[in-house]
Every structure is written in structure tokens, then in C-alpha cells.
Amino acid sequence: MALASPYPEVEIPNTSVPEAVLAAGRERPDAPALVDGLKGDVITHGQLAQYVDRVAANLHARGLRKGDVVAVFCPNTQWFPVVFHGIAAAGCVMSPINSLYTPDEIAFQLKDSGAKILITISLFMDRATAAAEKSPVDEIIVLDGAEGHANLFDLLGADAPSVTVDFDPANDLVTLPYSSGTTGLPKGVMLTHRNLVANVTQCLPLLKTTADERIIAVLPFFHIYGLTVLMNQGLALGGTVVTLPRFELEDFLRTIQDHKITRAFVAPPILLALAKHPMVDQYDLSSLTSILSGAAPLDEQLALAVEQRLRAKGGEVIVAQGYGMTELSPVSHTSPDPGALPPGFTGEVPKGSVGFAIPNTECRLVDPATGQDAAPGERGELWVRGPQVMKGYLNNEEATRSTVDAEGWLHTGDVAVVDEHGIYTVVDRVKELIKYKGYQVAPAELEAVLLNHPEIADAAVIGVPDKESGEELPKAYVVRAAGSDLSEESVMAFMAERVAPHKKIRFVEFIDEVPKSSAGKILRKELKARA
């Protein structure tokens, strides 16, 4: 049975992402849109619109056309939104690359996405250059400058004529992030202009905001959570997005204090620091009214601990969480602000829940064993249908069909329950994906790397609980090759050289044989039972 959102449906503008997201700012051209949290540099909403026009024009002048892919490999800066919206306004597709990726991982994404240009920063040039040698691109643009390469000023040049693109928002891609989905290797997630415009529009009714909202953007824009919820939603409000290149607790706290941040979107590890670190007491965080957690499950007691600690210092902050995935652009559920509860609901949203389905979103809870809808009050795999559901996986129809069925239901792989008010709580997952500090870690990807080791005959990877963070850490079960005396330390060192830090193997156990089904599928449940 399809369960509708308790919120009235919203009208979704049939327009491009830049046109929709930058609309509110045009009414306040002199107000700050983007602020560098460390340096204090400001880009106003009026300047942002001008810069976006210039980036689009100069990309077009370089020969890029509608549908061409531009990879962006850089941390959060106030120029990231300029580059993203410039790429989008040119009709091109932005494929964001994780800032922690190794050259091999970058090269895979460049090749798979068909990227024609790579935009990066000088600090990342060693990895960018090594990746481009394996998967060549037409040009590498270095925003802060590098000899022999175009830079930000070239993208903002005044000579190129403005471009006009004829958009088909429902079909034209705007971004191509990479996700492992419910299982397997990373895949390009095809998100259209309509997907992203819809998701921002759907979320706004659950926020009680003003144009004076000041949002701290520490979660990476290369992650769809940061791209949609922090960056595009913040700009669509006509508010101010304050950027930080990475999470450093002292910088994070000082930025909240000095810039009077009102709203923070974070992942659970940041909340753990807010709950326990003594440094928190040195800063005035009373401007914060909302902290929303996403990207990984949030423990109820941790949410309450952060609320109590910050309120004790004079604030009125509310800590809550939402739910989504890259394939959902990313939001399907979230906890509303107190002044934005659904019609007829007067209670409180439990801290351990992910709140309500957002407008224009239908859900089903399906028994994974039978394929039938779960009985009322029973748990089931969460299926979602709505305008935020991806177009599909790039060049991978089989994976698309296994994730989105013929009726448009996206099978999330997560197990949830829903109460009589329409409040959802995620309780388990049927998918194999490991979530570590908000990042996705695909066991199949790590297994493929492990099997390249000459002394490893077979391997399997699972996530094991980390009691401190409440998340999972990758653990490898390894079968040594005949005659090998391979050590745990050497396996971990081998992996550390080949994958991003969040994908590193944290534990190794040697076994005689990896348990597998008759079809050759790794029986991860057996490994989890012995972990």
C-alpha cells in the first residue's frame, strides 16, 4: 500500500537548477550569498548571478556543449557553487569527485563519466595529474592557479558572450555523483534538473526560515547531501552559506560563533564532538536554532546530549535527523522545524526517527522475504516514489532495474517502521553498503583491491560496529595464498596506499575459506555472525 506524505503537494518549477535556486537571491542582490568561513570573503547574491553567467559563457567558449561532463575535484570553497551553477547554466553536467580519492579512484570516475574537463585546485594537482594520465581529459583547470593551466579568472572572463540553453528539466542531467547504491561498485547517478529543483522545493515546507538564515557548509559539496541540502537549499532561501574546506572542530566552532550561524546540517561524528569535546565550552553557539543530521543513523541519546549541552549555554537549538540517499537527490524524509509540522499533527517528532516523508513523496514498506507490503506496525524495506528519484545509473541498465522498478519505486535497501502519524524510523538495512562518517564504502570495491594482492587468494569485507561513533568500520576476511605468511598490518598498509582514508580496512581476520552461496555470492551474514 502506498503511503502518502502528510504534507500537501507542492508545485515544482519546470526550470533549470540555476534558474530555480538563484531566483530568491535576485531580489536581494546586495545581501551576502557565500562567505568564506576562514577568510571572511563575501560573494553577494548579485555577484553570484553574474559569476555564474561568466562561467557558463567561458565553458561554452572552450567548446563545451549541452550534455558534456565537467568533473570537479575540490573542497568546499565559496567558488564551488559558482562553478557548479556555471556548469549547469551552460547545459553541462557536473560530476563531483570525493576530495579524498586516490589517483586510481579519480581516473575511474573520469573515464566512466566521460568527463571532458577536470576542475581542481593546486593542492590536489598531484593526484589530478596522475589520474588524467590514466584517463585523459581535454583540459585541467586549476582554480587557484598552476603554471600551464587556466584558472578561475579565465572562467570569469568578460569577453565570452552569454549563452542561452534550451533545457528539458525532466530529462537533462545536471549532476553525476557516484554512489555504490544498494550494492556493488560505484556507479554514476544520473540526476536531472527536475530532480534537484524538486528536492529543494519539496524540503522548503518543512523549514521555518527567513532570508536571514546563515547556514554553515562543512559537509562536502561533492556529497549530494552537501550539494542539495546545504548549498542549493541555502541559496534558494536567499540566505547566506558560510563555507569551510574541511571539518576542524575549532574552525567549526569559531565560524558558528563569529558568523552567527543559525542552521547546521551535519553527520553524526560532528554531533559526537559537540556532545563530548571540552573545546565546545569555549565558544558561544547560542545563535544556532537547528542542527539536522543526515548521511548516517543518529543515536537518540546523542541527539539529546547535544541539545542539553548547547541549551545549557543559553541556546534554543533543536537536534533532529533526516533520511535520503544519492539516488533520491537525496532527501525523502526529514524532521520538520517546530513551526512547520504537518496539518493536524501536534506532538513531538521522536529523536530516533527520520521524521515525515516530504511533499510529493510516496512510500511503501515491503517484506524482503515475501515481496508483499508489511503489516501495519511491522518493519519492511523502504521503497520511495517521487520526483526526486534518479533517472538511473549511467550506462548500467541492469543496476537501474534492480534499484528502481517498473512502477517507479526506488528500493532503498533500508528497513524501516512507520507509526500512525506517518513518522518513519530506520531500524536496519538489507543492503551491503558500509557507512563510515557519512561516506559510502562498497565492500565489493574493497574486495576487488584486496584480490590484486599477490598473496591474497580470496577476501570478503563487511562493516563491524564502532561503539564510540555508532557507525561501522570496514573489516576484511582474508584467505592467504598457499605458502604466504601475510600479516594483518601488511594487508592494512596495502589498502591504505590504494584507497581513500574512509575506505581503509580497519580490521583483518585470516580465514580458510570465504563463505559463499551456490551461486558464488558472499554470505556476509555468516561473517557478521562471527565478527
Protein backbone atom coordinates (compact mmCIF):
# COMPACT_ATOMS: atom_id res chain seq x y z
CA MET A 1 0.00 0.00 0.00
CA ALA A 2 1.37 3.41 -0.95
CA LEU A 3 1.66 5.81 1.99
CA ALA A 4 1.47 9.48 1.00
CA SER A 5 3.27 12.33 2.73
CA PRO A 6 1.12 14.12 5.33
CA TYR A 7 2.13 17.41 3.69
CA PRO A 8 0.13 18.93 0.81
CA GLU A 9 1.74 18.54 -2.60
CA VAL A 10 3.90 21.41 -3.84
CA GLU A 11 4.23 22.75 -7.37
CA ILE A 12 7.66 22.07 -8.82
CA PRO A 13 9.02 24.77 -11.15
CA ASN A 14 9.69 23.42 -14.63
CA THR A 15 13.04 25.12 -14.97
CA SER A 16 16.80 24.63 -14.66
CA VAL A 17 18.60 24.36 -11.34
CA PRO A 18 20.35 27.76 -11.63
CA GLU A 19 17.09 29.49 -12.58
CA ALA A 20 15.24 27.99 -9.61
CA VAL A 21 17.96 28.15 -6.95
CA LEU A 22 19.20 31.67 -7.70
CA ALA A 23 15.72 33.23 -8.03
CA ALA A 24 15.35 34.36 -4.40
CA GLY A 25 18.79 35.97 -4.41
CA ARG A 26 17.89 38.19 -7.34
CA GLU A 27 15.50 40.01 -5.04
CA ARG A 28 18.35 40.80 -2.60
CA PRO A 29 21.36 41.35 -4.87
CA ASP A 30 23.43 43.13 -2.21
CA ALA A 31 22.88 40.50 0.51
CA PRO A 32 25.69 38.00 1.17
CA ALA A 33 25.20 34.67 -0.60
CA LEU A 34 28.52 32.93 0.02
CA VAL A 35 31.08 33.62 2.72
CA ASP A 36 34.49 32.02 3.21
CA GLY A 37 34.30 30.95 6.85
CA LEU A 38 38.05 31.22 7.38
CA LYS A 39 38.91 34.34 5.38
CA GLY A 40 35.60 36.23 5.58
CA ASP A 41 35.49 36.93 1.81
CA VAL A 42 31.94 37.58 0.59
CA ILE A 43 30.11 36.94 -2.69
CA THR A 44 26.74 38.69 -2.81
CA HIS A 45 23.69 37.21 -4.50
CA GLY A 46 24.05 39.75 -7.30
CA GLN A 47 27.70 38.86 -7.85
CA LEU A 48 26.85 35.16 -7.76
CA ALA A 49 24.41 35.54 -10.66
CA GLN A 50 27.00 37.49 -12.66
CA TYR A 51 29.76 34.95 -11.98
CA VAL A 52 27.51 32.04 -12.94
CA ASP A 53 26.79 33.74 -16.28
CA ARG A 54 30.52 34.18 -16.88
CA VAL A 55 31.46 30.59 -16.05
CA ALA A 56 28.75 29.29 -18.39
CA ALA A 57 29.88 31.63 -21.16
CA ASN A 58 33.55 30.71 -20.84
CA LEU A 59 32.90 26.98 -20.72
CA HIS A 60 30.85 27.38 -23.90
CA ALA A 61 33.68 29.37 -25.44
CA ARG A 62 36.03 26.45 -24.66
CA GLY A 63 33.86 24.21 -26.84
CA LEU A 64 31.69 22.55 -24.22
CA ARG A 65 28.08 21.95 -25.15
CA LYS A 66 24.88 20.66 -23.60
CA GLY A 67 25.35 17.24 -22.01
CA ASP A 68 29.16 17.41 -21.77
CA VAL A 69 30.55 16.31 -18.40
CA VAL A 70 32.81 18.51 -16.27
CA ALA A 71 34.43 16.80 -13.27
CA VAL A 72 35.02 18.94 -10.18
CA PHE A 73 37.67 17.80 -7.71
CA CYS A 74 37.97 20.38 -4.95
CA PRO A 75 36.98 21.02 -1.33
CA ASN A 76 34.28 23.40 -0.16
CA THR A 77 35.05 26.98 -1.06
CA GLN A 78 32.80 29.93 -1.84
CA TRP A 79 33.66 29.34 -5.51
CA PHE A 80 32.34 25.76 -5.64
CA PRO A 81 28.69 26.94 -6.00
CA VAL A 82 29.79 29.41 -8.68
CA VAL A 83 31.44 26.62 -10.65
CA PHE A 84 28.53 24.20 -10.15
CA HIS A 85 25.87 26.65 -11.29
CA GLY A 86 28.05 27.89 -14.13
CA ILE A 87 28.43 24.33 -15.40
CA ALA A 88 24.68 23.78 -15.02
CA ALA A 89 23.78 27.07 -16.75
CA ALA A 90 25.95 26.01 -19.70
CA GLY A 91 23.80 22.89 -20.02
CA CYS A 92 26.73 20.72 -18.95
CA VAL A 93 26.79 18.02 -16.27
CA MET A 94 28.90 18.39 -13.11
CA SER A 95 30.42 15.16 -11.77
CA PRO A 96 31.75 15.83 -8.26
CA ILE A 97 34.80 13.83 -7.13
CA ASN A 98 35.48 12.98 -3.49
CA SER A 99 38.35 15.14 -2.22
CA LEU A 100 39.94 12.11 -0.55
CA TYR A 101 40.10 9.95 -3.67
CA THR A 102 43.34 8.38 -4.88
CA PRO A 103 44.50 8.80 -8.49
CA ASP A 104 43.09 5.37 -9.41
CA GLU A 105 39.67 6.25 -7.99
CA ILE A 106 39.68 9.63 -9.74
CA ALA A 107 40.74 8.02 -13.02
CA PHE A 108 37.87 5.52 -12.81
CA GLN A 109 35.32 8.32 -12.41
CA LEU A 110 36.84 10.43 -15.20
CA LYS A 111 36.71 7.51 -17.61
CA ASP A 112 33.30 6.19 -16.58
CA SER A 113 31.64 9.63 -16.68
CA GLY A 114 33.33 10.65 -19.94
CA ALA A 115 34.49 13.92 -18.39
CA LYS A 116 35.96 16.40 -20.88
CA ILE A 117 37.34 18.90 -18.36
CA LEU A 118 38.62 18.48 -14.80
CA ILE A 119 38.38 21.48 -12.46
CA THR A 120 40.55 21.29 -9.34
CA ILE A 121 42.87 23.27 -7.03
CA SER A 122 46.67 23.42 -6.86
CA LEU A 123 46.78 21.36 -3.64
CA PHE A 124 45.15 18.45 -5.50
CA MET A 125 47.23 18.71 -8.68
CA ASP A 126 49.48 15.74 -7.94
CA ARG A 127 46.51 13.38 -7.78
CA ALA A 128 44.61 15.16 -10.57
CA THR A 129 47.57 14.94 -12.94
CA ALA A 130 48.24 11.29 -12.12
CA ALA A 131 44.55 10.47 -12.71
CA ALA A 132 44.45 12.35 -16.02
CA GLU A 133 47.48 10.39 -17.24
CA LYS A 134 45.42 7.21 -16.81
CA SER A 135 42.12 8.70 -18.05
CA PRO A 136 42.91 11.74 -20.21
CA VAL A 137 40.71 14.84 -20.30
CA ASP A 138 40.78 17.75 -22.74
CA GLU A 139 41.86 20.23 -20.08
CA ILE A 140 42.61 20.62 -16.37
CA ILE A 141 41.54 23.98 -14.93
CA VAL A 142 43.19 24.93 -11.61
CA LEU A 143 41.02 27.46 -9.78
CA ASP A 144 43.81 28.99 -7.69
CA GLY A 145 46.36 28.78 -10.47
CA ALA A 146 49.11 26.45 -11.71
CA GLU A 147 51.62 27.05 -14.46
CA GLY A 148 50.35 25.97 -17.86
CA HIS A 149 46.70 25.74 -16.78
CA ALA A 150 43.70 28.05 -16.96
CA ASN A 151 42.40 29.36 -13.65
CA LEU A 152 39.34 30.92 -12.02
CA PHE A 153 39.92 34.28 -13.67
CA ASP A 154 39.80 32.60 -17.08
CA LEU A 155 36.39 31.17 -16.16
CA LEU A 156 35.20 34.64 -15.11
CA GLY A 157 36.49 36.45 -18.20
CA ALA A 158 34.25 39.17 -19.63
CA ASP A 159 34.82 38.63 -23.36
CA ALA A 160 32.80 35.46 -23.99
CA PRO A 161 29.17 36.11 -24.97
CA SER A 162 26.44 34.89 -22.61
CA VAL A 163 24.80 31.62 -23.56
CA THR A 164 21.17 30.56 -23.69
CA VAL A 165 20.38 26.87 -23.31
CA ASP A 166 17.10 25.19 -24.16
CA PHE A 167 16.53 22.95 -21.12
CA ASP A 168 14.34 19.87 -20.82
CA PRO A 169 14.42 19.76 -16.98
CA ALA A 170 12.83 16.32 -16.69
CA ASN A 171 15.45 14.65 -18.91
CA ASP A 172 18.58 16.83 -18.98
CA LEU A 173 21.20 15.81 -16.43
CA VAL A 174 22.67 18.44 -14.13
CA THR A 175 24.94 16.34 -11.92
CA LEU A 176 26.51 12.90 -11.97
CA PRO A 177 27.66 11.94 -8.47
CA TYR A 178 28.99 8.45 -7.90
CA SER A 179 27.31 6.06 -5.48
CA SER A 180 27.52 2.37 -4.75
CA GLY A 181 23.75 2.30 -4.43
CA THR A 182 22.50 -0.70 -2.52
CA THR A 183 25.41 -2.90 -3.54
CA GLY A 184 28.34 -3.25 -5.94
CA LEU A 185 30.92 -0.88 -7.37
CA PRO A 186 30.43 2.91 -7.61
CA LYS A 187 28.02 3.96 -10.34
CA GLY A 188 27.19 7.32 -11.90
CA VAL A 189 23.84 8.50 -10.54
CA MET A 190 22.02 10.44 -13.25
CA LEU A 191 20.23 13.36 -11.59
CA THR A 192 18.24 15.77 -13.73
CA HIS A 193 17.48 19.45 -13.29
CA ARG A 194 13.98 18.46 -12.23
CA ASN A 195 15.32 16.02 -9.62
CA LEU A 196 17.31 18.72 -7.84
CA VAL A 197 14.74 21.50 -8.28
CA ALA A 198 12.07 19.14 -6.95
CA ASN A 199 14.08 18.12 -3.90
CA VAL A 200 14.79 21.70 -2.83
CA THR A 201 11.14 22.66 -3.42
CA GLN A 202 9.91 19.60 -1.50
CA CYS A 203 12.07 20.35 1.55
CA LEU A 204 11.16 24.02 1.97
CA PRO A 205 7.72 23.43 3.60
CA LEU A 206 9.43 21.59 6.47
CA LEU A 207 11.67 24.56 7.26
CA LYS A 208 10.61 27.63 9.20
CA THR A 209 13.14 30.02 7.76
CA THR A 210 13.77 33.61 6.76
CA ALA A 211 16.11 35.15 4.23
CA ASP A 212 18.44 35.97 7.15
CA GLU A 213 19.28 32.27 7.57
CA ARG A 214 23.02 31.63 7.91
CA ILE A 215 23.99 28.05 7.13
CA ILE A 216 27.40 26.55 7.85
CA ALA A 217 28.62 24.37 4.98
CA VAL A 218 31.21 22.00 6.37
CA LEU A 219 29.81 18.80 4.86
CA PRO A 220 31.37 18.46 1.41
CA PHE A 221 29.58 19.80 -1.65
CA PHE A 222 30.89 16.78 -3.59
CA HIS A 223 28.45 14.73 -1.46
CA ILE A 224 24.83 15.06 -2.63
CA TYR A 225 23.77 15.97 0.93
CA GLY A 226 26.07 18.99 0.86
CA LEU A 227 25.23 19.85 -2.74
CA THR A 228 21.43 19.88 -2.37
CA VAL A 229 20.69 20.50 1.30
CA LEU A 230 23.45 22.92 2.30
CA MET A 231 24.40 24.66 -0.93
CA ASN A 232 21.31 24.76 -3.15
CA GLN A 233 18.72 24.89 -0.40
CA GLY A 234 20.62 27.65 1.40
CA LEU A 235 20.87 29.73 -1.77
CA ALA A 236 17.23 29.04 -2.69
CA LEU A 237 16.21 30.57 0.64
CA GLY A 238 18.05 33.74 -0.33
CA GLY A 239 20.18 33.16 2.75
CA THR A 240 23.92 33.00 3.39
CA VAL A 241 26.04 29.87 3.01
CA VAL A 242 29.28 30.01 5.01
CA THR A 243 31.85 27.54 3.69
CA LEU A 244 34.61 25.58 5.40
CA PRO A 245 37.03 23.40 3.40
CA ARG A 246 37.02 20.57 5.94
CA PHE A 247 35.85 19.74 9.44
CA GLU A 248 38.25 21.01 12.08
CA LEU A 249 36.42 21.37 15.40
CA GLU A 250 38.00 24.70 16.38
CA ASP A 251 37.31 26.28 12.97
CA PHE A 252 33.77 24.89 13.03
CA LEU A 253 33.01 26.32 16.47
CA ARG A 254 34.65 29.68 15.77
CA THR A 255 32.74 30.04 12.49
CA ILE A 256 29.40 29.37 14.21
CA GLN A 257 30.24 31.98 16.83
CA ASP A 258 31.73 34.70 14.62
CA HIS A 259 29.25 34.39 11.75
CA LYS A 260 26.19 33.88 13.99
CA ILE A 261 25.27 30.65 12.23
CA THR A 262 21.59 29.78 12.63
CA ARG A 263 21.40 26.37 10.96
CA ALA A 264 23.81 23.47 10.68
CA PHE A 265 23.49 20.29 8.62
CA VAL A 266 25.93 17.68 9.86
CA ALA A 267 26.75 13.97 10.13
CA PRO A 268 26.85 12.05 13.44
CA PRO A 269 30.64 12.33 14.04
CA ILE A 270 30.27 16.13 14.33
CA LEU A 271 27.48 15.69 16.86
CA LEU A 272 29.72 13.34 18.83
CA ALA A 273 32.28 16.15 19.11
CA LEU A 274 29.59 18.66 20.11
CA ALA A 275 28.42 16.32 22.85
CA LYS A 276 31.79 15.37 24.34
CA HIS A 277 34.66 17.68 23.42
CA PRO A 278 35.70 20.20 26.11
CA MET A 279 36.52 22.82 23.45
CA VAL A 280 32.78 23.36 22.84
CA ASP A 281 32.51 25.24 26.15
CA GLN A 282 34.92 27.93 24.90
CA TYR A 283 32.56 29.22 22.18
CA ASP A 284 29.19 30.96 22.02
CA LEU A 285 26.92 28.76 19.91
CA SER A 286 23.66 30.38 21.03
CA SER A 287 22.81 31.62 17.50
CA LEU A 288 22.11 28.03 16.41
CA THR A 289 18.43 27.17 16.19
CA SER A 290 18.61 23.91 14.22
CA ILE A 291 21.07 21.05 13.77
CA LEU A 292 19.90 18.41 11.32
CA SER A 293 21.87 15.19 10.99
CA GLY A 294 22.00 13.02 7.91
CA ALA A 295 24.23 10.68 5.88
CA ALA A 296 24.26 8.03 8.65
CA PRO A 297 21.98 6.95 11.54
CA LEU A 298 21.86 9.27 14.57
CA ASP A 299 21.55 7.78 18.03
CA GLU A 300 18.67 9.25 20.05
CA GLN A 301 20.77 9.70 23.19
CA LEU A 302 23.50 11.51 21.27
CA ALA A 303 20.93 13.95 19.84
CA LEU A 304 19.56 14.65 23.32
CA ALA A 305 23.05 15.10 24.77
CA VAL A 306 23.92 17.78 22.19
CA GLU A 307 20.62 19.58 22.76
CA GLN A 308 21.06 19.60 26.52
CA ARG A 309 24.66 20.79 26.36
CA LEU A 310 24.02 23.67 23.97
CA ARG A 311 20.79 24.73 25.66
CA ALA A 312 22.61 24.88 28.99
CA LYS A 313 24.69 27.69 27.47
CA GLY A 314 21.65 29.78 26.60
CA GLY A 315 20.73 28.47 23.17
CA GLU A 316 17.43 27.10 21.90
CA VAL A 317 18.76 24.60 19.38
CA ILE A 318 16.80 21.57 18.22
CA VAL A 319 18.69 18.47 17.05
CA ALA A 320 16.92 16.16 14.61
CA GLN A 321 17.66 13.95 11.62
CA GLY A 322 16.56 13.23 8.08
CA TYR A 323 16.98 10.40 5.60
CA GLY A 324 17.95 10.06 1.99
CA MET A 325 20.40 8.65 -0.50
CA THR A 326 22.20 9.90 -3.58
CA GLU A 327 19.63 8.21 -5.80
CA LEU A 328 16.94 10.38 -4.13
CA SER A 329 18.67 13.72 -4.82
CA PRO A 330 18.98 13.00 -1.75
CA VAL A 331 16.05 13.68 0.63
CA SER A 332 12.91 11.58 1.07
CA HIS A 333 12.27 12.08 4.80
CA THR A 334 13.15 14.70 7.36
CA SER A 335 12.17 16.06 10.75
CA PRO A 336 10.43 19.44 10.40
CA ASP A 337 11.07 22.63 12.31
CA PRO A 338 8.61 23.09 15.22
CA GLY A 339 6.70 25.73 13.25
CA ALA A 340 6.41 23.55 10.15
CA LEU A 341 4.63 20.42 11.40
CA PRO A 342 2.19 18.71 9.02
CA PRO A 343 -1.51 19.58 9.21
CA GLY A 344 -3.24 18.05 12.22
CA PHE A 345 -0.06 16.88 13.99
CA THR A 346 0.56 18.47 17.39
CA GLY A 347 3.01 16.07 19.02
CA GLU A 348 6.80 15.83 19.04
CA VAL A 349 8.90 14.02 16.47
CA PRO A 350 10.97 11.35 18.27
CA LYS A 351 14.73 11.92 18.17
CA GLY A 352 15.46 8.45 16.88
CA SER A 353 13.19 8.86 13.87
CA VAL A 354 13.85 10.42 10.46
CA GLY A 355 10.57 12.33 10.54
CA PHE A 356 7.97 12.51 7.79
CA ALA A 357 8.02 11.81 4.09
CA ILE A 358 8.44 15.15 2.34
CA PRO A 359 5.73 16.51 -0.01
CA ASN A 360 5.07 14.72 -3.33
CA THR A 361 6.66 11.57 -1.89
CA GLU A 362 5.05 8.14 -1.58
CA CYS A 363 6.44 5.28 0.49
CA ARG A 364 5.93 1.56 0.90
CA LEU A 365 7.32 -0.84 3.48
CA VAL A 366 7.84 -4.22 1.85
CA ASP A 367 8.71 -7.53 3.48
CA PRO A 368 12.04 -8.50 1.81
CA ALA A 369 11.23 -12.18 2.19
CA THR A 370 7.78 -12.15 0.56
CA GLY A 371 7.76 -9.02 -1.58
CA GLN A 372 4.42 -8.12 -0.01
CA ASP A 373 3.60 -4.94 1.89
CA ALA A 374 4.46 -5.27 5.57
CA ALA A 375 1.57 -5.39 8.02
CA PRO A 376 0.77 -2.15 9.91
CA GLY A 377 3.37 -1.56 12.59
CA GLU A 378 5.76 -4.14 11.11
CA ARG A 379 9.15 -3.40 9.63
CA GLY A 380 9.84 -3.62 5.92
CA GLU A 381 12.24 -2.41 3.24
CA LEU A 382 11.56 1.24 2.49
CA TRP A 383 10.51 1.93 -1.09
CA VAL A 384 10.20 5.53 -2.28
CA ARG A 385 8.50 7.11 -5.28
CA GLY A 386 8.54 10.78 -6.20
CA PRO A 387 10.06 13.45 -8.47
CA GLN A 388 13.39 13.22 -6.63
CA VAL A 389 14.04 9.63 -7.77
CA MET A 390 17.06 9.46 -10.08
CA LYS A 391 16.82 8.96 -13.83
CA GLY A 392 19.01 5.87 -13.43
CA TYR A 393 22.62 4.71 -13.30
CA LEU A 394 24.90 5.79 -16.13
CA ASN A 395 25.43 3.03 -18.70
CA ASN A 396 24.11 0.41 -16.28
CA GLU A 397 20.56 -0.63 -17.08
CA GLU A 398 20.82 -3.81 -15.02
CA ALA A 399 21.70 -1.91 -11.83
CA THR A 400 18.98 0.64 -12.59
CA ARG A 401 16.32 -2.06 -12.98
CA SER A 402 17.38 -3.71 -9.72
CA THR A 403 17.04 -0.40 -7.84
CA VAL A 404 14.03 1.31 -9.49
CA ASP A 405 11.20 -0.97 -10.53
CA ALA A 406 8.81 -0.60 -13.47
CA GLU A 407 6.32 1.37 -11.36
CA GLY A 408 8.94 3.93 -10.32
CA TRP A 409 9.56 2.66 -6.80
CA LEU A 410 13.15 3.05 -5.63
CA HIS A 411 14.15 0.17 -3.38
CA THR A 412 16.36 1.81 -0.75
CA GLY A 413 17.74 -1.35 0.86
CA ASP A 414 16.97 0.15 4.28
CA VAL A 415 14.47 -1.37 6.70
CA ALA A 416 12.05 1.00 8.44
CA VAL A 417 8.90 1.18 10.52
CA VAL A 418 6.20 3.87 10.39
CA ASP A 419 3.81 4.89 13.17
CA GLU A 420 0.21 6.04 12.98
CA HIS A 421 1.29 9.66 12.44
CA GLY A 422 3.44 8.86 9.41
CA ILE A 423 6.74 9.17 11.30
CA TYR A 424 9.43 6.82 9.97
CA THR A 425 12.29 5.20 11.86
CA VAL A 426 15.09 3.38 10.03
CA VAL A 427 15.94 0.26 12.02
CA ASP A 428 18.17 -1.91 9.82
CA ARG A 429 19.31 -2.42 6.27
CA VAL A 430 19.24 -5.21 3.79
CA LYS A 431 21.92 -3.72 1.60
CA GLU A 432 25.62 -4.41 1.93
CA LEU A 433 26.83 -0.82 1.90
CA ILE A 434 29.04 0.29 4.80
CA LYS A 435 28.52 3.88 6.02
CA TYR A 436 31.57 5.45 7.67
CA LYS A 437 31.50 9.10 8.78
CA GLY A 438 28.73 9.76 6.29
CA TYR A 439 30.68 8.26 3.38
CA GLN A 440 29.67 5.20 1.41
CA VAL A 441 32.07 2.28 1.40
CA ALA A 442 31.29 -0.51 -1.05
CA PRO A 443 32.53 -3.94 0.12
CA ALA A 444 32.80 -5.12 -3.49
CA GLU A 445 35.17 -2.27 -4.32
CA LEU A 446 37.48 -3.07 -1.39
CA GLU A 447 37.36 -6.78 -2.21
CA ALA A 448 38.46 -6.03 -5.76
CA VAL A 449 41.51 -4.13 -4.45
CA LEU A 450 42.37 -6.86 -1.94
CA LEU A 451 42.31 -9.52 -4.63
CA ASN A 452 45.02 -7.64 -6.52
CA HIS A 453 47.45 -8.54 -3.73
CA PRO A 454 49.60 -11.47 -4.92
CA GLU A 455 49.43 -13.19 -1.50
CA ILE A 456 45.63 -12.99 -1.13
CA ALA A 457 43.65 -15.92 -2.55
CA ASP A 458 40.21 -14.66 -1.61
CA ALA A 459 38.67 -11.91 0.51
CA ALA A 460 35.39 -10.52 1.81
CA VAL A 461 34.62 -7.22 3.53
CA ILE A 462 31.88 -6.32 5.99
CA GLY A 463 31.15 -3.43 8.31
CA VAL A 464 31.58 -4.01 12.04
CA PRO A 465 30.08 -1.71 14.69
CA ASP A 466 32.23 1.01 16.23
CA LYS A 467 30.88 1.53 19.75
CA GLU A 468 32.21 5.09 20.07
CA SER A 469 30.70 6.58 16.91
CA GLY A 470 27.78 4.20 16.41
CA GLU A 471 28.90 3.71 12.80
CA GLU A 472 30.65 0.86 11.01
CA LEU A 473 34.29 0.18 10.23
CA PRO A 474 35.44 -1.94 7.27
CA LYS A 475 36.77 -5.37 8.27
CA ALA A 476 38.42 -7.75 5.83
CA TYR A 477 38.29 -11.53 5.98
CA VAL A 478 41.30 -12.75 4.04
CA VAL A 479 42.32 -16.15 2.69
CA ARG A 480 46.11 -16.30 2.34
CA ALA A 481 47.65 -17.72 -0.82
CA ALA A 482 49.48 -21.05 -0.38
CA GLY A 483 52.77 -20.58 1.41
CA SER A 484 52.06 -16.97 2.42
CA ASP A 485 52.65 -15.63 5.92
CA LEU A 486 50.91 -12.30 5.17
CA SER A 487 50.27 -10.21 8.31
CA GLU A 488 47.28 -8.09 9.32
CA GLU A 489 49.48 -4.97 9.28
CA SER A 490 50.70 -5.57 5.74
CA VAL A 491 47.14 -6.03 4.46
CA MET A 492 46.05 -2.74 6.04
CA ALA A 493 49.12 -0.94 4.70
CA PHE A 494 48.46 -2.32 1.20
CA MET A 495 44.91 -0.97 1.26
CA ALA A 496 45.89 2.40 2.77
CA GLU A 497 48.09 3.08 -0.26
CA ARG A 498 45.27 2.39 -2.72
CA VAL A 499 42.03 3.78 -1.31
CA ALA A 500 40.75 6.98 0.28
CA PRO A 501 41.10 7.22 4.09
CA HIS A 502 37.43 6.50 4.78
CA LYS A 503 37.71 3.23 2.83
CA LYS A 504 40.75 1.89 4.71
CA ILE A 505 40.49 -1.58 6.21
CA ARG A 506 40.46 -1.21 10.00
CA PHE A 507 40.50 -4.90 10.96
CA VAL A 508 41.80 -8.06 9.31
CA GLU A 509 40.96 -11.66 10.14
CA PHE A 510 42.50 -14.58 8.30
CA ILE A 511 40.17 -17.45 7.42
CA ASP A 512 40.46 -20.71 5.48
CA GLU A 513 37.56 -20.04 3.13
CA VAL A 514 35.14 -17.18 2.35
CA PRO A 515 31.58 -18.49 2.86
CA LYS A 516 29.62 -18.31 -0.39
CA SER A 517 26.30 -19.45 -1.78
CA SER A 518 26.00 -21.98 -4.58
CA ALA A 519 25.73 -19.02 -6.96
CA GLY A 520 29.03 -17.63 -5.69
CA LYS A 521 27.55 -14.77 -3.64
CA ILE A 522 29.45 -13.97 -0.44
CA LEU A 523 27.39 -14.91 2.61
CA ARG A 524 28.01 -11.75 4.59
CA LYS A 525 25.50 -12.70 7.27
CA GLU A 526 27.76 -15.60 8.25
CA LEU A 527 30.73 -13.26 8.50
CA LYS A 528 28.75 -10.74 10.54
CA ALA A 529 27.70 -13.53 12.90
CA ARG A 530 31.35 -14.31 13.68
CA ALA A 531 32.58 -10.68 13.74
